[in-house]
N, C-alpha and C. Protein backbone atom coordinates (compact mmCIF):
# COMPACT_ATOMS: atom_id res chain seq x y z
N MET A 1 1.32 -0.98 0.01
CA MET A 1 0.23 -0.10 -0.17
C MET A 1 1.14 1.29 -0.46
N ALA A 2 0.32 2.24 -1.04
CA ALA A 2 1.42 3.77 -0.91
C ALA A 2 0.91 4.03 0.37
N LYS A 3 2.02 4.78 1.06
CA LYS A 3 2.13 5.73 1.60
C LYS A 3 1.24 7.12 1.55
N ASN A 4 1.15 7.72 1.87
CA ASN A 4 0.29 9.36 1.77
C ASN A 4 1.53 10.44 1.95
N HIS A 5 1.56 10.85 0.84
CA HIS A 5 2.42 11.93 0.78
C HIS A 5 1.63 13.49 1.01
N GLY A 6 0.87 13.83 1.92
CA GLY A 6 -0.01 14.52 1.97
C GLY A 6 -0.97 15.32 0.47
N PRO A 7 -1.77 16.14 0.78
CA PRO A 7 -2.38 16.70 -0.74
C PRO A 7 -1.81 17.05 -1.97
N GLN A 8 -0.75 17.61 -1.48
CA GLN A 8 0.17 17.78 -2.84
C GLN A 8 0.19 17.03 -3.84
N VAL A 9 0.44 15.83 -3.53
CA VAL A 9 0.54 14.32 -4.06
C VAL A 9 -1.12 13.89 -4.78
N LYS A 10 -1.38 13.91 -5.97
CA LYS A 10 -2.54 13.29 -5.88
C LYS A 10 -2.37 11.84 -5.98
N ASP A 11 -1.49 11.49 -6.92
CA ASP A 11 -1.11 9.88 -6.67
C ASP A 11 0.25 8.70 -6.13
N ASP A 12 -0.23 9.02 -5.21
CA ASP A 12 1.17 7.90 -4.04
C ASP A 12 1.18 6.89 -4.87
N GLU A 13 1.02 6.02 -5.06
CA GLU A 13 1.49 5.24 -5.84
C GLU A 13 2.46 5.15 -7.21
N GLN A 14 2.17 6.57 -8.10
CA GLN A 14 2.81 6.84 -8.92
C GLN A 14 4.11 7.34 -7.90
N TYR A 15 3.72 8.31 -7.66
CA TYR A 15 5.28 9.03 -6.83
C TYR A 15 6.01 7.93 -6.09
N GLU A 16 5.52 7.25 -5.93
CA GLU A 16 6.49 6.31 -4.74
C GLU A 16 7.22 5.47 -5.90
N ALA A 17 6.70 4.96 -7.06
CA ALA A 17 6.86 4.52 -7.98
C ALA A 17 8.02 5.06 -9.03
N LEU A 18 8.31 6.15 -9.12
CA LEU A 18 9.04 6.97 -9.76
C LEU A 18 10.09 7.58 -9.00
N ARG A 19 9.94 7.63 -7.72
CA ARG A 19 10.74 7.79 -6.69
C ARG A 19 12.03 6.32 -6.60
N ASP A 20 11.02 5.42 -6.62
CA ASP A 20 11.99 4.43 -7.28
C ASP A 20 13.26 4.10 -8.03
N LYS A 21 12.57 4.98 -8.99
CA LYS A 21 13.42 4.62 -10.35
C LYS A 21 14.23 5.46 -10.46
N GLY A 22 14.60 6.50 -8.65
CA GLY A 22 15.76 7.36 -9.19
C GLY A 22 15.35 8.72 -9.46
N TYR A 23 13.92 9.19 -9.82
CA TYR A 23 13.31 10.51 -9.68
C TYR A 23 13.32 11.65 -8.86
N SER A 24 13.82 12.85 -9.05
CA SER A 24 13.71 13.68 -7.99
C SER A 24 12.68 14.02 -7.33
N LYS A 25 11.90 14.55 -6.30
CA LYS A 25 10.78 14.36 -5.89
C LYS A 25 10.15 15.67 -6.26
N GLU A 26 10.79 16.62 -6.59
CA GLU A 26 9.95 17.33 -7.60
C GLU A 26 8.93 17.12 -8.65
N LYS A 27 10.18 16.07 -9.49
CA LYS A 27 9.90 15.78 -10.53
C LYS A 27 8.49 14.48 -11.01
N SER A 28 8.71 13.70 -9.50
CA SER A 28 7.84 12.48 -9.03
C SER A 28 6.70 13.27 -8.87
N ALA A 29 6.82 14.63 -8.10
CA ALA A 29 5.11 15.18 -8.03
C ALA A 29 4.52 15.85 -8.97
N ARG A 30 5.58 16.09 -9.36
CA ARG A 30 5.22 16.87 -10.76
C ARG A 30 4.40 15.94 -11.97
N ILE A 31 5.42 14.93 -11.96
CA ILE A 31 4.13 13.95 -12.97
C ILE A 31 3.52 13.03 -12.29
N ALA A 32 2.73 12.65 -11.15
CA ALA A 32 2.23 12.45 -10.40
C ALA A 32 0.89 12.93 -10.08
N ASN A 33 1.16 14.30 -10.44
CA ASN A 33 0.27 15.22 -10.44
C ASN A 33 -0.79 15.75 -11.58
N SER A 34 0.06 15.21 -12.70
CA SER A 34 -0.22 15.49 -13.85
C SER A 34 -1.51 14.57 -13.88
N LYS A 35 -2.43 15.42 -15.17
CA LYS A 35 -4.19 14.77 -15.31
C LYS A 35 -3.43 13.97 -16.79
N GLY A 36 -3.75 12.66 -16.30
CA GLY A 36 -3.10 11.46 -17.89
C GLY A 36 -1.93 11.30 -17.66
N ALA A 37 -1.31 11.31 -16.79
CA ALA A 37 0.37 11.25 -17.06
C ALA A 37 0.54 9.80 -17.49
N GLU A 38 -0.67 8.77 -16.59
CA GLU A 38 -0.58 7.67 -16.98
C GLU A 38 -0.38 7.37 -18.93
N LYS A 39 -1.12 7.79 -18.95
CA LYS A 39 -1.38 7.40 -20.74
C LYS A 39 -0.13 8.15 -21.63
N ARG A 40 0.67 9.24 -21.07
CA ARG A 40 1.40 9.77 -21.61
C ARG A 40 2.78 9.70 -21.90
N GLY A 41 3.55 9.86 -21.97
CA GLY A 41 5.16 9.23 -21.96
C GLY A 41 5.31 8.26 -22.79
N GLY A 42 7.28 8.27 -22.79
CA GLY A 42 7.89 6.98 -23.11
C GLY A 42 7.85 7.24 -25.15
N LYS A 43 7.72 8.47 -25.41
CA LYS A 43 7.35 9.07 -26.78
C LYS A 43 8.48 9.29 -27.21
N ALA A 44 9.45 10.08 -26.15
CA ALA A 44 10.67 10.75 -26.30
C ALA A 44 12.30 9.62 -26.22
N LYS A 45 13.04 10.39 -27.56
CA LYS A 45 14.09 9.25 -27.43
C LYS A 45 15.08 9.29 -26.49
N GLN A 46 15.79 8.49 -26.17
CA GLN A 46 16.84 8.39 -25.21
C GLN A 46 17.57 9.78 -25.13
N TYR A 47 18.21 10.05 -23.90
CA TYR A 47 18.60 11.52 -24.04
C TYR A 47 20.29 10.77 -25.03
N GLU A 48 20.56 8.94 -24.89
CA GLU A 48 21.82 9.50 -25.39
C GLU A 48 22.29 9.23 -27.15
N VAL A 49 20.73 9.21 -27.82
CA VAL A 49 20.72 8.84 -29.21
C VAL A 49 20.14 10.53 -29.47
N ARG A 50 20.10 11.47 -28.46
CA ARG A 50 19.39 12.61 -29.23
C ARG A 50 20.90 13.80 -29.40
N THR A 51 20.82 14.44 -30.56
CA THR A 51 22.25 15.65 -30.05
C THR A 51 22.12 16.52 -28.78
N LYS A 52 23.46 17.05 -28.93
CA LYS A 52 23.95 18.15 -27.55
C LYS A 52 22.57 18.86 -27.76
N LYS A 53 22.67 19.79 -28.75
CA LYS A 53 21.89 20.76 -29.08
C LYS A 53 20.45 20.51 -28.45
N SER A 54 19.74 19.31 -29.02
CA SER A 54 18.24 18.99 -28.68
C SER A 54 18.65 19.08 -26.73
N LEU A 55 19.68 17.98 -25.99
CA LEU A 55 19.57 18.27 -24.88
C LEU A 55 19.65 19.63 -23.81
N TYR A 56 20.86 20.68 -24.94
CA TYR A 56 20.85 21.76 -24.56
C TYR A 56 19.59 22.51 -24.37
N ASP A 57 18.81 22.62 -25.43
CA ASP A 57 17.60 23.16 -26.01
C ASP A 57 16.15 22.59 -24.50
N GLU A 58 16.30 21.22 -24.46
CA GLU A 58 15.32 20.65 -23.18
C GLU A 58 15.96 21.23 -21.51
N ALA A 59 17.30 21.60 -21.87
CA ALA A 59 17.88 21.84 -20.44
C ALA A 59 17.64 23.31 -20.34
N LYS A 60 17.65 23.98 -21.34
CA LYS A 60 17.27 25.50 -21.39
C LYS A 60 15.18 25.89 -20.84
N LYS A 61 14.69 24.67 -21.19
CA LYS A 61 13.22 24.97 -21.59
C LYS A 61 13.11 24.74 -20.07
N VAL A 62 13.93 23.67 -18.98
CA VAL A 62 13.48 23.05 -17.77
C VAL A 62 13.87 24.56 -16.87
N GLY A 63 14.87 25.02 -17.61
CA GLY A 63 15.59 25.71 -16.44
C GLY A 63 17.03 25.14 -15.55
N ILE A 64 17.43 24.62 -16.34
CA ILE A 64 19.00 24.01 -15.78
C ILE A 64 20.15 25.10 -15.56
N GLU A 65 20.52 25.20 -14.65
CA GLU A 65 21.68 26.68 -14.63
C GLU A 65 23.02 25.43 -14.72
N GLY A 66 23.56 26.59 -15.54
CA GLY A 66 25.52 25.93 -15.96
C GLY A 66 25.24 24.94 -16.83
N ARG A 67 23.71 24.60 -17.77
CA ARG A 67 24.21 24.18 -19.45
C ARG A 67 24.77 24.20 -20.15
N SER A 68 25.41 25.57 -20.73
CA SER A 68 26.31 26.32 -21.37
C SER A 68 27.59 25.48 -21.44
N LYS A 69 27.94 25.14 -19.95
CA LYS A 69 29.37 24.62 -20.07
C LYS A 69 29.28 23.12 -19.67
N MET A 70 28.10 22.67 -19.95
CA MET A 70 27.71 20.98 -20.09
C MET A 70 28.06 20.24 -21.14
N SER A 71 29.05 19.13 -21.38
CA SER A 71 28.65 17.98 -21.62
C SER A 71 27.68 17.44 -22.49
N LYS A 72 27.93 16.88 -23.23
CA LYS A 72 26.36 15.98 -23.67
C LYS A 72 25.77 15.00 -22.71
N SER A 73 27.23 14.04 -22.10
CA SER A 73 26.49 13.49 -21.31
C SER A 73 26.14 14.19 -19.52
N GLU A 74 26.75 15.52 -19.36
CA GLU A 74 26.69 16.21 -18.39
C GLU A 74 24.93 16.61 -18.50
N LEU A 75 24.42 17.17 -19.70
CA LEU A 75 23.11 17.41 -19.79
C LEU A 75 21.81 16.35 -19.38
N ALA A 76 22.42 15.31 -20.53
CA ALA A 76 21.65 13.80 -20.45
C ALA A 76 21.24 14.07 -18.65
N GLU A 77 22.80 13.39 -17.69
CA GLU A 77 22.12 13.55 -16.92
C GLU A 77 21.64 14.29 -15.70
N ALA A 78 21.84 15.80 -15.41
CA ALA A 78 21.01 17.21 -15.35
C ALA A 78 19.78 16.32 -15.59
N LEU A 79 19.35 16.77 -16.89
CA LEU A 79 17.97 16.38 -17.47
C LEU A 79 17.11 14.95 -16.48
N ARG A 80 18.33 13.93 -16.32
CA ARG A 80 17.08 12.75 -15.84
C ARG A 80 17.06 13.15 -14.36
N ASN A 81 17.88 14.00 -13.33
CA ASN A 81 17.65 14.08 -12.34
C ASN A 81 16.86 15.86 -12.04
N ASN A 82 16.63 15.90 -13.08
CA ASN A 82 15.82 17.31 -12.90
C ASN A 82 14.53 17.46 -12.35
C-alpha cells in the first residue's frame, strides 16, 4: 500500500514508483500530479541518441543552470535528475 504523501501529491503509488526509479521529489510529484500522465510518456528518444543541441534546448526549457558549460553526457544526467 502506498504511503500518503499529503494533499500535494495526487497519485501516491505513481509518486513512489517514480522515486524508486531515481526521479527527484519535485519531478515525481509533477508527474504524479499531471492529469493523464499514466497515458502519456515514453515517446521521447533516449538522451543518448539525441543531439547535444537538443539536450541543451531541453535543459534550457526546464531551467537547468550551468548548461552552457556541460557536455552531452552531463546534460543528459542533469535532465534525468531534474
